[in-house]
Amino acid sequence: MRQNIVAGNWKMNKNLEEGLELAKELNDILKANKPNCKVVIGTPFIHLSKVAEIVDKELIGVSAQNCADKVSGAYTGEVSASMVKSTGVDYVILGHSERRSYYGETNEILKEKVDLALANDLTPIFCIGEVLEEREAEKHFEVVKSQIEEGLFHLSAETFGKIVLAYEPVWAIGTGKTASPEQAQEIHAFIRKTVAEKYGKEVADNTSILYGGSCKPSNAKELFANADVDGGLIGGAALKAEDFVGIISAF
């Protein structure tokens, strides 16, 4: 059976002291009230090793927000998958819409990152999703399918089973437009169908697909009630323990 997962993406927020404080607060809350889903926090690189030390890994998984598409070498400022793994974490977010948009990450680059993450025993949380122009042109199915095919479909069925997918309706983030629970379910069902066509129903049914579009304590329960929405990749609401726990409690 696939896991329900609530993953927080801190993005470029929280200095080291603030990050450790948030991780400890979250750990204490979840220790007192065990969650009904897998919880993951995606922190900046500088937090990883210390956060991995202070949280109970039975309660909270820790994730990097990115890794390099190279093994090692003269790549100033980059952090390799093996470096990420050495901090004691188990996950890495790859292909986030901000990385694709601001830093020009292509499906080909992400394919390399996925392979290196898996080779270092990291679970990729692989992000997919369309921008406003693509949604308005009704190309969202086409865009999402190509991101999955070009970034992941070189994997064997067994290896694909280690991937977590996260759908981001980029068009509904910071635009004033809102993706409805029905729209979320529609695209998630399409994603699962796309996986099933390649790897079969069993692999598709066991793949966790998270929703990454402005999920809050107020709408999480409605979103997570959809058959093909297996949790969320949470941005702003992951920066306050109370808000993040409110979303976790939707399960």
C-alpha atoms as a PDB file:
ATOM      1  CA  MET A   1       0.000   0.000   0.000  1.00  0.00           C
ATOM      2  CA  ARG A   2       1.172   3.498  -0.795  1.00  0.00           C
ATOM      3  CA  GLN A   3       2.068   5.881   2.011  1.00  0.00           C
ATOM      4  CA  ASN A   4       0.242   9.062   2.898  1.00  0.00           C
ATOM      5  CA  ILE A   5       2.938  11.730   3.214  1.00  0.00           C
ATOM      6  CA  VAL A   6       2.981  15.347   4.344  1.00  0.00           C
ATOM      7  CA  ALA A   7       6.299  16.922   3.339  1.00  0.00           C
ATOM      8  CA  GLY A   8       7.343  20.457   4.250  1.00  0.00           C
ATOM      9  CA  ASN A   9       9.581  22.475   1.936  1.00  0.00           C
ATOM     10  CA  TRP A  10      11.208  25.287   3.921  1.00  0.00           C
ATOM     11  CA  LYS A  11      12.728  26.763   0.729  1.00  0.00           C
ATOM     12  CA  MET A  12      15.293  29.535   1.491  1.00  0.00           C
ATOM     13  CA  ASN A  13      13.964  30.310   4.961  1.00  0.00           C
ATOM     14  CA  LYS A  14      15.215  29.958   8.558  1.00  0.00           C
ATOM     15  CA  ASN A  15      18.784  30.467   9.695  1.00  0.00           C
ATOM     16  CA  LEU A  16      20.423  27.539  11.491  1.00  0.00           C
ATOM     17  CA  GLU A  17      19.194  28.465  14.965  1.00  0.00           C
ATOM     18  CA  GLU A  18      15.627  29.096  13.748  1.00  0.00           C
ATOM     19  CA  GLY A  19      15.586  25.867  11.749  1.00  0.00           C
ATOM     20  CA  LEU A  20      16.715  23.751  14.691  1.00  0.00           C
ATOM     21  CA  GLU A  21      14.123  25.408  16.896  1.00  0.00           C
ATOM     22  CA  LEU A  22      11.325  24.624  14.401  1.00  0.00           C
ATOM     23  CA  ALA A  23      12.482  21.028  13.930  1.00  0.00           C
ATOM     24  CA  LYS A  24      12.620  20.467  17.704  1.00  0.00           C
ATOM     25  CA  GLU A  25       9.174  22.025  18.219  1.00  0.00           C
ATOM     26  CA  LEU A  26       7.688  19.837  15.493  1.00  0.00           C
ATOM     27  CA  ASN A  27       9.394  16.744  16.897  1.00  0.00           C
ATOM     28  CA  ASP A  28       8.011  17.419  20.391  1.00  0.00           C
ATOM     29  CA  ILE A  29       4.449  17.925  19.086  1.00  0.00           C
ATOM     30  CA  LEU A  30       4.506  14.737  17.013  1.00  0.00           C
ATOM     31  CA  LYS A  31       6.027  12.747  19.856  1.00  0.00           C
ATOM     32  CA  ALA A  32       3.032  13.702  21.999  1.00  0.00           C
ATOM     33  CA  ASN A  33       0.531  13.114  19.155  1.00  0.00           C
ATOM     34  CA  LYS A  34       1.770  10.474  16.739  1.00  0.00           C
ATOM     35  CA  PRO A  35       0.827  11.304  13.119  1.00  0.00           C
ATOM     36  CA  ASN A  36      -1.317   9.084  10.894  1.00  0.00           C
ATOM     37  CA  CYS A  37       0.964   9.720   7.920  1.00  0.00           C
ATOM     38  CA  LYS A  38       4.642   9.931   7.048  1.00  0.00           C
ATOM     39  CA  VAL A  39       6.055  13.383   7.852  1.00  0.00           C
ATOM     40  CA  VAL A  40       9.081  14.812   6.013  1.00  0.00           C
ATOM     41  CA  ILE A  41      10.784  18.200   6.349  1.00  0.00           C
ATOM     42  CA  GLY A  42      12.876  19.598   3.499  1.00  0.00           C
ATOM     43  CA  THR A  43      15.432  22.008   4.929  1.00  0.00           C
ATOM     44  CA  PRO A  44      18.223  24.125   3.430  1.00  0.00           C
ATOM     45  CA  PHE A  45      21.570  22.301   3.143  1.00  0.00           C
ATOM     46  CA  ILE A  46      23.042  24.068   6.196  1.00  0.00           C
ATOM     47  CA  HIS A  47      20.427  22.492   8.486  1.00  0.00           C
ATOM     48  CA  LEU A  48      20.503  18.912   7.282  1.00  0.00           C
ATOM     49  CA  SER A  49      23.034  17.168   9.521  1.00  0.00           C
ATOM     50  CA  LYS A  50      21.916  18.872  12.734  1.00  0.00           C
ATOM     51  CA  VAL A  51      18.198  18.451  12.035  1.00  0.00           C
ATOM     52  CA  ALA A  52      18.802  14.769  11.208  1.00  0.00           C
ATOM     53  CA  GLU A  53      20.436  14.388  14.633  1.00  0.00           C
ATOM     54  CA  ILE A  54      17.716  16.036  16.708  1.00  0.00           C
ATOM     55  CA  VAL A  55      14.524  14.570  15.196  1.00  0.00           C
ATOM     56  CA  ASP A  56      13.150  11.099  15.848  1.00  0.00           C
ATOM     57  CA  LYS A  57      13.405   9.422  12.449  1.00  0.00           C
ATOM     58  CA  GLU A  58      10.435   7.213  13.312  1.00  0.00           C
ATOM     59  CA  LEU A  59       8.378  10.410  13.367  1.00  0.00           C
ATOM     60  CA  ILE A  60      10.065  12.740  10.890  1.00  0.00           C
ATOM     61  CA  GLY A  61      12.019  12.084   7.716  1.00  0.00           C
ATOM     62  CA  VAL A  62      14.507  14.749   6.627  1.00  0.00           C
ATOM     63  CA  SER A  63      15.000  15.878   3.030  1.00  0.00           C
ATOM     64  CA  ALA A  64      17.370  18.072   1.071  1.00  0.00           C
ATOM     65  CA  GLN A  65      15.743  20.492  -1.375  1.00  0.00           C
ATOM     66  CA  ASN A  66      18.073  19.634  -4.246  1.00  0.00           C
ATOM     67  CA  CYS A  67      21.275  17.848  -5.213  1.00  0.00           C
ATOM     68  CA  ALA A  68      23.777  18.185  -8.043  1.00  0.00           C
ATOM     69  CA  ASP A  69      23.636  16.326 -11.355  1.00  0.00           C
ATOM     70  CA  LYS A  70      27.332  15.417 -11.029  1.00  0.00           C
ATOM     71  CA  VAL A  71      29.083  12.885  -8.807  1.00  0.00           C
ATOM     72  CA  SER A  72      31.853  15.220  -7.597  1.00  0.00           C
ATOM     73  CA  GLY A  73      34.469  17.648  -8.894  1.00  0.00           C
ATOM     74  CA  ALA A  74      35.044  21.311  -9.670  1.00  0.00           C
ATOM     75  CA  TYR A  75      31.435  22.504  -9.314  1.00  0.00           C
ATOM     76  CA  THR A  76      31.671  25.379  -6.860  1.00  0.00           C
ATOM     77  CA  GLY A  77      28.590  25.820  -4.717  1.00  0.00           C
ATOM     78  CA  GLU A  78      27.010  22.480  -5.669  1.00  0.00           C
ATOM     79  CA  VAL A  79      26.159  19.673  -3.241  1.00  0.00           C
ATOM     80  CA  SER A  80      26.280  16.083  -4.482  1.00  0.00           C
ATOM     81  CA  ALA A  81      23.833  13.300  -3.680  1.00  0.00           C
ATOM     82  CA  SER A  82      26.529  11.444  -1.719  1.00  0.00           C
ATOM     83  CA  MET A  83      27.171  14.595   0.359  1.00  0.00           C
ATOM     84  CA  VAL A  84      23.443  14.876   1.057  1.00  0.00           C
ATOM     85  CA  LYS A  85      23.288  11.212   2.114  1.00  0.00           C
ATOM     86  CA  SER A  86      26.299  11.643   4.405  1.00  0.00           C
ATOM     87  CA  THR A  87      24.326  14.130   6.529  1.00  0.00           C
ATOM     88  CA  GLY A  88      22.026  11.310   7.629  1.00  0.00           C
ATOM     89  CA  VAL A  89      18.929  12.234   5.598  1.00  0.00           C
ATOM     90  CA  ASP A  90      16.781   9.955   3.449  1.00  0.00           C
ATOM     91  CA  TYR A  91      14.966  12.205   0.958  1.00  0.00           C
ATOM     92  CA  VAL A  92      15.703  14.828  -1.696  1.00  0.00           C
ATOM     93  CA  ILE A  93      13.244  17.136  -3.468  1.00  0.00           C
ATOM     94  CA  LEU A  94      14.026  17.235  -7.197  1.00  0.00           C
ATOM     95  CA  GLY A  95      12.552  19.266 -10.054  1.00  0.00           C
ATOM     96  CA  HIS A  96      10.689  21.802  -7.940  1.00  0.00           C
ATOM     97  CA  SER A  97       9.002  24.400 -10.150  1.00  0.00           C
ATOM     98  CA  GLU A  98      11.310  27.099  -8.746  1.00  0.00           C
ATOM     99  CA  ARG A  99      14.385  25.072  -9.725  1.00  0.00           C
ATOM    100  CA  ARG A 100      12.953  24.471 -13.198  1.00  0.00           C
ATOM    101  CA  SER A 101      11.984  28.119 -13.654  1.00  0.00           C
ATOM    102  CA  TYR A 102      14.764  30.117 -11.955  1.00  0.00           C
ATOM    103  CA  TYR A 103      17.715  27.786 -12.544  1.00  0.00           C
ATOM    104  CA  GLY A 104      16.823  26.239 -15.892  1.00  0.00           C
ATOM    105  CA  GLU A 105      16.614  22.645 -14.737  1.00  0.00           C
ATOM    106  CA  THR A 106      15.493  20.501 -17.661  1.00  0.00           C
ATOM    107  CA  ASN A 107      14.041  17.003 -17.682  1.00  0.00           C
ATOM    108  CA  GLU A 108      17.422  15.761 -18.926  1.00  0.00           C
ATOM    109  CA  ILE A 109      19.270  17.348 -15.979  1.00  0.00           C
ATOM    110  CA  LEU A 110      16.674  15.966 -13.578  1.00  0.00           C
ATOM    111  CA  LYS A 111      17.092  12.487 -15.026  1.00  0.00           C
ATOM    112  CA  GLU A 112      20.767  12.627 -13.954  1.00  0.00           C
ATOM    113  CA  LYS A 113      19.835  13.920 -10.502  1.00  0.00           C
ATOM    114  CA  VAL A 114      17.272  11.152 -10.022  1.00  0.00           C
ATOM    115  CA  ASP A 115      19.838   8.486 -10.922  1.00  0.00           C
ATOM    116  CA  LEU A 116      22.437   9.903  -8.539  1.00  0.00           C
ATOM    117  CA  ALA A 117      19.909  10.269  -5.721  1.00  0.00           C
ATOM    118  CA  LEU A 118      18.793   6.648  -6.115  1.00  0.00           C
ATOM    119  CA  ALA A 119      22.390   5.423  -6.357  1.00  0.00           C
ATOM    120  CA  ASN A 120      22.991   7.036  -2.966  1.00  0.00           C
ATOM    121  CA  ASP A 121      19.899   5.496  -1.369  1.00  0.00           C
ATOM    122  CA  LEU A 122      17.921   8.748  -1.284  1.00  0.00           C
ATOM    123  CA  THR A 123      14.192   8.796  -1.991  1.00  0.00           C
ATOM    124  CA  PRO A 124      13.452  11.458  -4.629  1.00  0.00           C
ATOM    125  CA  ILE A 125      10.346  13.583  -4.178  1.00  0.00           C
ATOM    126  CA  PHE A 126      10.009  14.370  -7.874  1.00  0.00           C
ATOM    127  CA  CYS A 127       8.033  17.516  -8.719  1.00  0.00           C
ATOM    128  CA  ILE A 128       5.941  17.994 -11.834  1.00  0.00           C
ATOM    129  CA  GLY A 129       3.408  20.607 -12.897  1.00  0.00           C
ATOM    130  CA  GLU A 130       2.382  23.195 -15.465  1.00  0.00           C
ATOM    131  CA  VAL A 131       2.551  27.008 -15.510  1.00  0.00           C
ATOM    132  CA  LEU A 132      -0.406  29.330 -16.137  1.00  0.00           C
ATOM    133  CA  GLU A 133       0.110  29.638 -19.904  1.00  0.00           C
ATOM    134  CA  GLU A 134       0.211  25.865 -20.262  1.00  0.00           C
ATOM    135  CA  ARG A 135      -2.930  25.405 -18.154  1.00  0.00           C
ATOM    136  CA  GLU A 136      -4.833  28.081 -20.113  1.00  0.00           C
ATOM    137  CA  ALA A 137      -3.733  26.465 -23.393  1.00  0.00           C
ATOM    138  CA  GLU A 138      -5.057  23.152 -22.004  1.00  0.00           C
ATOM    139  CA  LYS A 139      -1.604  21.582 -22.305  1.00  0.00           C
ATOM    140  CA  HIS A 140      -1.394  20.546 -18.649  1.00  0.00           C
ATOM    141  CA  PHE A 141      -1.796  16.816 -19.291  1.00  0.00           C
ATOM    142  CA  GLU A 142       0.794  16.924 -22.072  1.00  0.00           C
ATOM    143  CA  VAL A 143       3.319  18.889 -19.964  1.00  0.00           C
ATOM    144  CA  VAL A 144       2.985  16.697 -16.894  1.00  0.00           C
ATOM    145  CA  LYS A 145       3.229  13.502 -18.950  1.00  0.00           C
ATOM    146  CA  SER A 146       6.424  14.652 -20.683  1.00  0.00           C
ATOM    147  CA  GLN A 147       8.019  15.638 -17.342  1.00  0.00           C
ATOM    148  CA  ILE A 148       7.347  12.155 -15.964  1.00  0.00           C
ATOM    149  CA  GLU A 149       8.395  10.328 -19.132  1.00  0.00           C
ATOM    150  CA  GLU A 150      11.612  12.282 -19.722  1.00  0.00           C
ATOM    151  CA  GLY A 151      12.672  12.467 -16.082  1.00  0.00           C
ATOM    152  CA  LEU A 152      11.678   9.046 -14.766  1.00  0.00           C
ATOM    153  CA  PHE A 153      10.583   6.500 -17.363  1.00  0.00           C
ATOM    154  CA  HIS A 154      14.126   5.263 -17.988  1.00  0.00           C
ATOM    155  CA  LEU A 155      13.871   3.551 -14.579  1.00  0.00           C
ATOM    156  CA  SER A 156      12.946  -0.098 -14.085  1.00  0.00           C
ATOM    157  CA  ALA A 157       9.576  -0.813 -12.453  1.00  0.00           C
ATOM    158  CA  GLU A 158      11.336  -1.856  -9.247  1.00  0.00           C
ATOM    159  CA  THR A 159      13.391   1.340  -9.106  1.00  0.00           C
ATOM    160  CA  PHE A 160      10.442   3.564 -10.022  1.00  0.00           C
ATOM    161  CA  GLY A 161       8.747   2.148  -6.937  1.00  0.00           C
ATOM    162  CA  LYS A 162      11.177   4.199  -4.827  1.00  0.00           C
ATOM    163  CA  ILE A 163       9.934   7.522  -6.286  1.00  0.00           C
ATOM    164  CA  VAL A 164       7.464   9.887  -4.607  1.00  0.00           C
ATOM    165  CA  LEU A 165       5.690  12.233  -7.049  1.00  0.00           C
ATOM    166  CA  ALA A 166       4.569  15.759  -6.170  1.00  0.00           C
ATOM    167  CA  TYR A 167       2.213  17.659  -8.453  1.00  0.00           C
ATOM    168  CA  GLU A 168       2.483  21.460  -8.324  1.00  0.00           C
ATOM    169  CA  PRO A 169      -0.159  23.557 -10.091  1.00  0.00           C
ATOM    170  CA  VAL A 170       2.355  26.349 -10.696  1.00  0.00           C
ATOM    171  CA  TRP A 171      -0.459  28.443 -12.189  1.00  0.00           C
ATOM    172  CA  ALA A 172      -2.269  28.491  -8.837  1.00  0.00           C
ATOM    173  CA  ILE A 173       0.704  29.572  -6.709  1.00  0.00           C
ATOM    174  CA  GLY A 174       0.889  33.329  -6.125  1.00  0.00           C
ATOM    175  CA  THR A 175      -1.404  34.142  -9.070  1.00  0.00           C
ATOM    176  CA  GLY A 176      -4.661  34.651  -7.199  1.00  0.00           C
ATOM    177  CA  LYS A 177      -6.096  31.618  -9.001  1.00  0.00           C
ATOM    178  CA  THR A 178      -7.077  28.553  -6.997  1.00  0.00           C
ATOM    179  CA  ALA A 179      -6.944  24.889  -7.910  1.00  0.00           C
ATOM    180  CA  SER A 180     -10.077  23.132  -6.686  1.00  0.00           C
ATOM    181  CA  PRO A 181     -10.025  19.696  -5.022  1.00  0.00           C
ATOM    182  CA  GLU A 182     -11.713  18.402  -8.200  1.00  0.00           C
ATOM    183  CA  GLN A 183      -8.894  19.773 -10.371  1.00  0.00           C
ATOM    184  CA  ALA A 184      -6.345  18.217  -8.022  1.00  0.00           C
ATOM    185  CA  GLN A 185      -8.042  14.815  -8.232  1.00  0.00           C
ATOM    186  CA  GLU A 186      -8.338  15.026 -12.029  1.00  0.00           C
ATOM    187  CA  ILE A 187      -4.623  15.599 -12.607  1.00  0.00           C
ATOM    188  CA  HIS A 188      -3.545  13.141  -9.899  1.00  0.00           C
ATOM    189  CA  ALA A 189      -5.711  10.439 -11.488  1.00  0.00           C
ATOM    190  CA  PHE A 190      -4.135  11.247 -14.855  1.00  0.00           C
ATOM    191  CA  ILE A 191      -0.634  10.968 -13.333  1.00  0.00           C
ATOM    192  CA  ARG A 192      -1.458   7.578 -11.816  1.00  0.00           C
ATOM    193  CA  LYS A 193      -2.899   6.413 -15.162  1.00  0.00           C
ATOM    194  CA  THR A 194       0.301   7.547 -16.925  1.00  0.00           C
ATOM    195  CA  VAL A 195       2.407   5.515 -14.473  1.00  0.00           C
ATOM    196  CA  ALA A 196       0.082   2.495 -14.889  1.00  0.00           C
ATOM    197  CA  GLU A 197       0.423   2.595 -18.674  1.00  0.00           C
ATOM    198  CA  LYS A 198       4.204   2.311 -18.309  1.00  0.00           C
ATOM    199  CA  TYR A 199       4.676   0.090 -15.263  1.00  0.00           C
ATOM    200  CA  GLY A 200       1.298  -1.550 -14.612  1.00  0.00           C
ATOM    201  CA  LYS A 201      -1.492  -1.029 -12.118  1.00  0.00           C
ATOM    202  CA  GLU A 202       0.332  -2.429  -9.084  1.00  0.00           C
ATOM    203  CA  VAL A 203       3.262   0.002  -9.368  1.00  0.00           C
ATOM    204  CA  ALA A 204       0.874   2.909 -10.020  1.00  0.00           C
ATOM    205  CA  ASP A 205      -1.322   1.988  -7.056  1.00  0.00           C
ATOM    206  CA  ASN A 206       1.738   1.919  -4.789  1.00  0.00           C
ATOM    207  CA  THR A 207       3.066   5.332  -5.931  1.00  0.00           C
ATOM    208  CA  SER A 208       2.462   8.224  -3.532  1.00  0.00           C
ATOM    209  CA  ILE A 209       1.378  11.385  -5.365  1.00  0.00           C
ATOM    210  CA  LEU A 210       1.484  14.558  -3.268  1.00  0.00           C
ATOM    211  CA  TYR A 211      -0.318  17.815  -3.978  1.00  0.00           C
ATOM    212  CA  GLY A 212       1.819  20.948  -3.909  1.00  0.00           C
ATOM    213  CA  GLY A 213      -0.551  23.856  -4.468  1.00  0.00           C
ATOM    214  CA  SER A 214      -1.220  26.195  -1.540  1.00  0.00           C
ATOM    215  CA  CYS A 215      -2.292  23.485   0.868  1.00  0.00           C
ATOM    216  CA  LYS A 216      -3.348  24.893   4.255  1.00  0.00           C
ATOM    217  CA  PRO A 217      -4.948  23.548   7.450  1.00  0.00           C
ATOM    218  CA  SER A 218      -8.264  24.945   6.176  1.00  0.00           C
ATOM    219  CA  ASN A 219      -8.312  22.975   2.893  1.00  0.00           C
ATOM    220  CA  ALA A 220      -6.047  19.972   3.582  1.00  0.00           C
ATOM    221  CA  LYS A 221      -8.814  17.599   4.658  1.00  0.00           C
ATOM    222  CA  GLU A 222     -10.856  18.271   1.519  1.00  0.00           C
ATOM    223  CA  LEU A 223      -7.807  17.832  -0.737  1.00  0.00           C
ATOM    224  CA  PHE A 224      -6.585  14.666   0.999  1.00  0.00           C
ATOM    225  CA  ALA A 225     -10.070  13.113   0.795  1.00  0.00           C
ATOM    226  CA  ASN A 226      -9.526  12.619  -2.959  1.00  0.00           C
ATOM    227  CA  ALA A 227      -8.752   9.038  -3.929  1.00  0.00           C
ATOM    228  CA  ASP A 228      -5.525   9.883  -5.766  1.00  0.00           C
ATOM    229  CA  VAL A 229      -4.168  12.646  -3.488  1.00  0.00           C
ATOM    230  CA  ASP A 230      -1.810  10.952  -1.036  1.00  0.00           C
ATOM    231  CA  GLY A 231      -0.693  14.013   0.905  1.00  0.00           C
ATOM    232  CA  GLY A 232       0.989  17.327   0.273  1.00  0.00           C
ATOM    233  CA  LEU A 233       4.251  19.088  -0.459  1.00  0.00           C
ATOM    234  CA  ILE A 234       3.803  22.138   1.736  1.00  0.00           C
ATOM    235  CA  GLY A 235       5.548  25.505   1.333  1.00  0.00           C
ATOM    236  CA  GLY A 236       4.661  28.508   3.489  1.00  0.00           C
ATOM    237  CA  ALA A 237       2.495  26.570   5.952  1.00  0.00           C
ATOM    238  CA  ALA A 238       5.485  24.329   6.788  1.00  0.00           C
ATOM    239  CA  LEU A 239       7.326  27.266   8.376  1.00  0.00           C
ATOM    240  CA  LYS A 240       5.090  27.332  11.457  1.00  0.00           C
ATOM    241  CA  ALA A 241       4.739  24.168  13.510  1.00  0.00           C
ATOM    242  CA  GLU A 242       1.098  24.887  14.339  1.00  0.00           C
ATOM    243  CA  ASP A 243       0.109  25.284  10.673  1.00  0.00           C
ATOM    244  CA  PHE A 244       2.129  22.275   9.540  1.00  0.00           C
ATOM    245  CA  VAL A 245       0.666  20.064  12.263  1.00  0.00           C
ATOM    246  CA  GLY A 246      -2.794  21.309  11.245  1.00  0.00           C
ATOM    247  CA  ILE A 247      -2.177  19.861   7.787  1.00  0.00           C
ATOM    248  CA  ILE A 248      -0.683  16.623   9.146  1.00  0.00           C
ATOM    249  CA  SER A 249      -3.801  16.236  11.307  1.00  0.00           C
ATOM    250  CA  ALA A 250      -5.978  16.163   8.168  1.00  0.00           C
ATOM    251  CA  PHE A 251      -5.113  12.439   7.972  1.00  0.00           C
END
